[in-house]
Amino acid sequence: MSSEPRRALVASPTQAARAAEERLRAAYDFVPVEQADMVIALGGDGFMLQTLHSMLESRRILPIFGMNLGTVGFLMNEWRLDGLDQRLAKAKSFKVNPLRMMVETVDGEQFSIPAINEVSLLRETRQTAKLEVQVNGRTVLPELVCDGVLVATPAGSTAYNLSAHGPILPLGSALVALTPISPFRPRRWRGAILPESTVIRFAVLNPIKRPVSAVADQREVRDVAQVEIQIDRTTTLTLLFDPEHTLDDRIAAEQFIA
């Protein structure tokens, strides 16, 4: 009886990913996701996030090895047809805890949504957002006037957070980044680095006149009144990487790119 892990194969709908899927299925054996011990994902970072969120929704979380057939592919390995068995046997695993976004809208609706990269609050109209910021129940900014603000994990710190001039956080640092997006007041505030045990809460000031949406990775809730964010320690995701090009190496290298 084989002790090899049972692998499932999923691919983004792009032409390149579908072509690669056909080649892999012709060369290796795969099983449906429901029967698998691990997942091979073909696509870009967006498809990787989509696949991880599908696992969270189904509550069946498997290790996932991505191969890049997208644009950036920060969360992915290099696409290669040959040597898949050997790559998987040598792959280095990284454990990632997602954020949990608890949202209440102005109409009283409540949502609980996970985020692997970041949770962002964004103004919905031409008017700036006005937010009260609390950290562990203490108000640290009575009024933040901005286009938005985000909370990023180390895995997501090189994504939207970096574009908003937030810090790059090493994987395993047990930190989260709190980064404003185009802040107007306080003019000199550029964000904070906080322990991952921190509970961060945003209250939208005047949410009718200045509506704000909250986005957890790719899922948006509009017209929010308040948002609470913290690391979800009850859920752990496992990403697999080739040992010569691991996620922590990539995050470290990003700090030296001009």
Protein backbone atom coordinates (compact mmCIF):
# COMPACT_ATOMS: atom_id res chain seq x y z
CA MET A 1 0.00 0.00 0.00
CA SER A 2 1.48 3.36 -1.04
CA SER A 3 2.37 5.87 1.66
CA GLU A 4 2.48 8.72 -0.84
CA PRO A 5 0.14 11.60 0.05
CA ARG A 6 -2.97 11.81 -2.07
CA ARG A 7 -2.79 15.00 -4.12
CA ALA A 8 -5.54 17.15 -5.56
CA LEU A 9 -4.94 19.58 -8.42
CA VAL A 10 -6.75 22.90 -8.86
CA ALA A 11 -6.09 25.63 -11.43
CA SER A 12 -7.17 29.19 -12.14
CA PRO A 13 -9.31 29.70 -15.26
CA THR A 14 -6.48 31.34 -17.23
CA GLN A 15 -5.27 29.70 -20.43
CA ALA A 16 -1.76 29.19 -19.06
CA ALA A 17 -2.99 27.53 -15.86
CA ARG A 18 -5.40 25.25 -17.72
CA ALA A 19 -2.67 24.16 -20.13
CA ALA A 20 -0.34 23.39 -17.21
CA GLU A 21 -3.14 21.45 -15.50
CA GLU A 22 -3.53 19.21 -18.55
CA ARG A 23 0.20 18.47 -18.62
CA LEU A 24 0.32 17.65 -14.91
CA ARG A 25 -2.72 15.36 -15.07
CA ALA A 26 -1.08 13.46 -17.92
CA ALA A 27 2.13 12.99 -15.92
CA TYR A 28 0.90 12.38 -12.35
CA ASP A 29 -2.01 10.88 -10.42
CA PHE A 30 -4.47 13.16 -8.63
CA VAL A 31 -7.63 12.65 -6.57
CA PRO A 32 -10.63 14.92 -5.90
CA VAL A 33 -10.05 17.57 -3.23
CA GLU A 34 -12.46 15.74 -0.90
CA GLN A 35 -10.14 12.70 -0.89
CA ALA A 36 -6.81 14.53 -0.84
CA ASP A 37 -4.12 14.97 1.80
CA MET A 38 -2.67 18.04 0.06
CA VAL A 39 -3.45 20.42 -2.81
CA ILE A 40 -1.41 21.61 -5.80
CA ALA A 41 -2.64 25.04 -6.97
CA LEU A 42 -1.79 26.53 -10.38
CA GLY A 43 -2.18 30.28 -10.86
CA GLY A 44 -1.14 33.51 -9.20
CA ASP A 45 -1.35 34.94 -5.70
CA GLY A 46 -5.01 35.84 -6.18
CA PHE A 47 -5.89 32.25 -7.00
CA MET A 48 -3.84 31.03 -4.03
CA LEU A 49 -5.84 33.31 -1.72
CA GLN A 50 -9.08 32.13 -3.34
CA THR A 51 -8.10 28.50 -2.77
CA LEU A 52 -7.15 29.13 0.86
CA HIS A 53 -10.44 30.92 1.49
CA SER A 54 -12.34 28.00 -0.05
CA MET A 55 -10.63 25.72 2.46
CA LEU A 56 -11.56 28.03 5.32
CA GLU A 57 -15.19 28.08 4.20
CA SER A 58 -15.35 24.29 3.84
CA ARG A 59 -13.50 23.83 7.16
CA ARG A 60 -11.26 21.25 5.50
CA ILE A 61 -7.78 22.76 5.52
CA LEU A 62 -4.98 20.96 3.68
CA PRO A 63 -1.33 21.81 3.00
CA ILE A 64 -1.06 23.64 -0.32
CA PHE A 65 1.82 23.85 -2.82
CA GLY A 66 1.34 26.59 -5.39
CA MET A 67 3.04 26.94 -8.77
CA ASN A 68 3.11 30.35 -10.37
CA LEU A 69 1.25 30.81 -13.64
CA GLY A 70 0.12 34.34 -12.79
CA THR A 71 1.84 37.72 -12.51
CA VAL A 72 3.66 38.20 -9.20
CA GLY A 73 3.41 34.79 -7.59
CA PHE A 74 4.80 35.86 -4.23
CA LEU A 75 2.98 33.00 -2.47
CA MET A 76 3.82 30.52 -5.22
CA ASN A 77 6.69 28.29 -6.31
CA GLU A 78 8.20 28.21 -9.77
CA TRP A 79 6.19 26.33 -12.39
CA ARG A 80 7.93 23.13 -13.47
CA LEU A 81 6.46 19.92 -14.85
CA ASP A 82 9.30 17.60 -13.90
CA GLY A 83 10.26 16.37 -10.45
CA LEU A 84 7.00 17.11 -8.64
CA ASP A 85 7.29 14.10 -6.30
CA GLN A 86 10.79 15.13 -5.23
CA ARG A 87 9.79 18.77 -4.76
CA LEU A 88 6.89 17.84 -2.54
CA ALA A 89 9.03 15.47 -0.49
CA LYS A 90 11.58 18.24 0.16
CA ALA A 91 9.12 21.13 0.52
CA LYS A 92 9.40 23.37 3.57
CA SER A 93 6.13 24.14 5.34
CA PHE A 94 5.05 27.51 6.74
CA LYS A 95 2.20 27.92 9.19
CA VAL A 96 0.04 31.01 8.79
CA ASN A 97 -2.74 32.20 11.10
CA PRO A 98 -5.29 34.42 9.33
CA LEU A 99 -6.83 37.58 10.70
CA ARG A 100 -10.46 37.52 11.75
CA MET A 101 -12.55 40.58 10.83
CA MET A 102 -15.69 41.15 12.91
CA VAL A 103 -17.88 43.75 11.22
CA GLU A 104 -21.06 45.57 12.13
CA THR A 105 -22.77 47.67 9.47
CA VAL A 106 -24.81 50.84 9.97
CA ASP A 107 -27.95 48.68 9.52
CA GLY A 108 -26.88 46.36 12.34
CA GLU A 109 -25.77 43.42 10.18
CA GLN A 110 -22.82 41.46 11.54
CA PHE A 111 -20.17 39.46 9.67
CA SER A 112 -17.14 37.38 10.65
CA ILE A 113 -14.66 37.04 7.78
CA PRO A 114 -11.08 35.69 7.67
CA ALA A 115 -8.20 37.48 5.92
CA ILE A 116 -4.84 35.92 5.07
CA ASN A 117 -3.08 39.05 3.76
CA GLU A 118 -4.86 42.06 5.24
CA VAL A 119 -8.04 43.75 6.34
CA SER A 120 -8.49 47.22 4.88
CA LEU A 121 -11.01 49.99 5.55
CA LEU A 122 -11.60 52.27 2.58
CA ARG A 123 -13.64 55.41 1.97
CA GLU A 124 -16.59 54.83 -0.37
CA THR A 125 -17.00 58.39 -1.68
CA ARG A 126 -14.91 61.44 -2.52
CA GLN A 127 -14.96 62.44 1.16
CA THR A 128 -12.20 61.24 3.45
CA ALA A 129 -12.94 58.64 6.08
CA LYS A 130 -12.89 59.62 9.75
CA LEU A 131 -12.07 56.76 12.10
CA GLU A 132 -11.52 56.27 15.80
CA VAL A 133 -8.73 53.73 16.43
CA GLN A 134 -8.62 51.54 19.53
CA VAL A 135 -5.89 49.10 20.56
CA ASN A 136 -6.76 46.54 23.24
CA GLY A 137 -9.71 48.65 24.33
CA ARG A 138 -7.76 51.92 24.60
CA THR A 139 -8.37 54.79 22.19
CA VAL A 140 -5.02 55.61 20.60
CA LEU A 141 -6.32 57.90 17.84
CA PRO A 142 -9.60 59.74 18.57
CA GLU A 143 -9.81 60.81 14.92
CA LEU A 144 -7.83 59.46 11.98
CA VAL A 145 -8.68 61.34 8.77
CA CYS A 146 -7.57 59.30 5.76
CA ASP A 147 -8.48 57.46 2.58
CA GLY A 148 -8.34 54.27 4.62
CA VAL A 149 -6.32 52.09 6.95
CA LEU A 150 -5.25 48.45 6.94
CA VAL A 151 -4.03 45.70 9.23
CA ALA A 152 -1.60 43.24 7.60
CA THR A 153 -0.12 39.90 8.60
CA PRO A 154 3.58 39.15 7.95
CA ALA A 155 2.55 37.06 4.92
CA GLY A 156 0.55 40.01 3.60
CA SER A 157 2.97 42.75 4.59
CA THR A 158 4.58 42.78 1.12
CA ALA A 159 1.22 43.20 -0.65
CA TYR A 160 -1.16 46.17 -0.22
CA ASN A 161 0.59 47.10 3.03
CA LEU A 162 3.91 47.67 1.26
CA SER A 163 2.22 49.71 -1.48
CA ALA A 164 0.79 51.94 1.28
CA HIS A 165 4.36 52.43 2.63
CA GLY A 166 3.82 50.04 5.51
CA PRO A 167 6.64 47.95 7.04
CA ILE A 168 7.73 44.52 5.84
CA LEU A 169 7.28 42.02 8.69
CA PRO A 170 9.45 38.88 8.84
CA LEU A 171 7.52 35.64 8.85
CA GLY A 172 7.35 34.30 12.38
CA SER A 173 7.78 37.76 13.90
CA ALA A 174 4.43 37.48 15.76
CA LEU A 175 3.58 41.03 14.66
CA VAL A 176 0.92 42.81 12.61
CA ALA A 177 1.22 46.11 10.74
CA LEU A 178 -1.29 48.91 11.26
CA THR A 179 -0.85 51.18 8.24
CA PRO A 180 -2.80 54.30 7.20
CA ILE A 181 -3.70 54.89 3.56
CA SER A 182 -3.10 58.51 2.50
CA PRO A 183 -3.48 59.94 6.03
CA PHE A 184 -4.40 63.63 6.33
CA ARG A 185 -4.65 63.93 10.12
CA PRO A 186 -2.61 63.25 12.20
CA ARG A 187 -0.33 64.36 9.39
CA ARG A 188 2.85 62.80 10.75
CA TRP A 189 1.37 59.45 11.80
CA ARG A 190 2.70 56.66 9.59
CA GLY A 191 1.29 53.63 11.36
CA ALA A 192 2.35 51.15 14.02
CA ILE A 193 3.81 47.66 14.46
CA LEU A 194 1.87 45.70 17.06
CA PRO A 195 2.04 42.26 18.71
CA GLU A 196 -0.16 39.74 16.92
CA SER A 197 -2.12 39.25 20.16
CA THR A 198 -3.43 42.83 19.81
CA VAL A 199 -7.14 43.47 19.31
CA ILE A 200 -7.62 46.44 16.95
CA ARG A 201 -10.96 48.18 16.66
CA PHE A 202 -12.09 50.90 14.27
CA ALA A 203 -15.22 52.97 14.80
CA VAL A 204 -16.42 54.94 11.76
CA LEU A 205 -17.19 58.54 12.70
CA ASN A 206 -20.27 59.85 10.88
CA PRO A 207 -20.71 56.69 8.75
CA ILE A 208 -23.73 58.06 6.88
CA LYS A 209 -22.03 61.19 5.58
CA ARG A 210 -18.62 59.51 5.22
CA PRO A 211 -19.35 55.84 4.36
CA VAL A 212 -16.58 53.27 4.70
CA SER A 213 -16.21 49.72 3.40
CA ALA A 214 -14.19 46.92 5.01
CA VAL A 215 -12.34 44.40 2.85
CA ALA A 216 -10.88 41.09 4.08
CA ASP A 217 -8.53 40.04 1.26
CA GLN A 218 -11.08 39.84 -1.56
CA ARG A 219 -14.39 40.04 0.32
CA GLU A 220 -15.98 43.46 0.90
CA VAL A 221 -18.63 44.65 3.34
CA ARG A 222 -19.97 48.14 2.64
CA ASP A 223 -21.32 50.86 4.94
CA VAL A 224 -19.63 49.62 8.09
CA ALA A 225 -20.07 51.19 11.54
CA GLN A 226 -17.31 49.38 13.38
CA VAL A 227 -14.69 46.73 12.70
CA GLU A 228 -12.72 44.58 15.13
CA ILE A 229 -9.62 42.69 13.95
CA GLN A 230 -7.40 40.11 15.60
CA ILE A 231 -5.36 37.03 14.73
CA ASP A 232 -7.44 33.84 14.62
CA ARG A 233 -5.40 31.34 16.62
CA THR A 234 -7.99 28.61 16.16
CA THR A 235 -7.16 28.31 12.45
CA THR A 236 -3.79 27.43 10.89
CA LEU A 237 -2.99 27.33 7.17
CA THR A 238 0.02 25.43 5.79
CA LEU A 239 1.86 26.70 2.72
CA LEU A 240 4.57 24.54 1.10
CA PHE A 241 7.65 25.98 -0.61
CA ASP A 242 10.74 24.71 -2.38
CA PRO A 243 13.59 24.90 0.18
CA GLU A 244 15.74 27.06 -2.11
CA HIS A 245 13.06 29.75 -2.46
CA THR A 246 11.01 29.91 0.72
CA LEU A 247 8.51 32.55 1.81
CA ASP A 248 10.68 33.91 4.63
CA ASP A 249 13.57 34.34 2.17
CA ARG A 250 11.30 36.27 -0.19
CA ILE A 251 10.01 38.53 2.55
CA ALA A 252 13.56 39.28 3.72
CA ALA A 253 14.72 39.97 0.15
CA GLU A 254 11.89 42.46 -0.42
CA GLN A 255 13.57 44.81 2.07
CA PHE A 256 16.52 45.28 -0.29
CA ILE A 257 14.63 45.89 -3.54
CA ALA A 258 15.07 49.47 -4.68
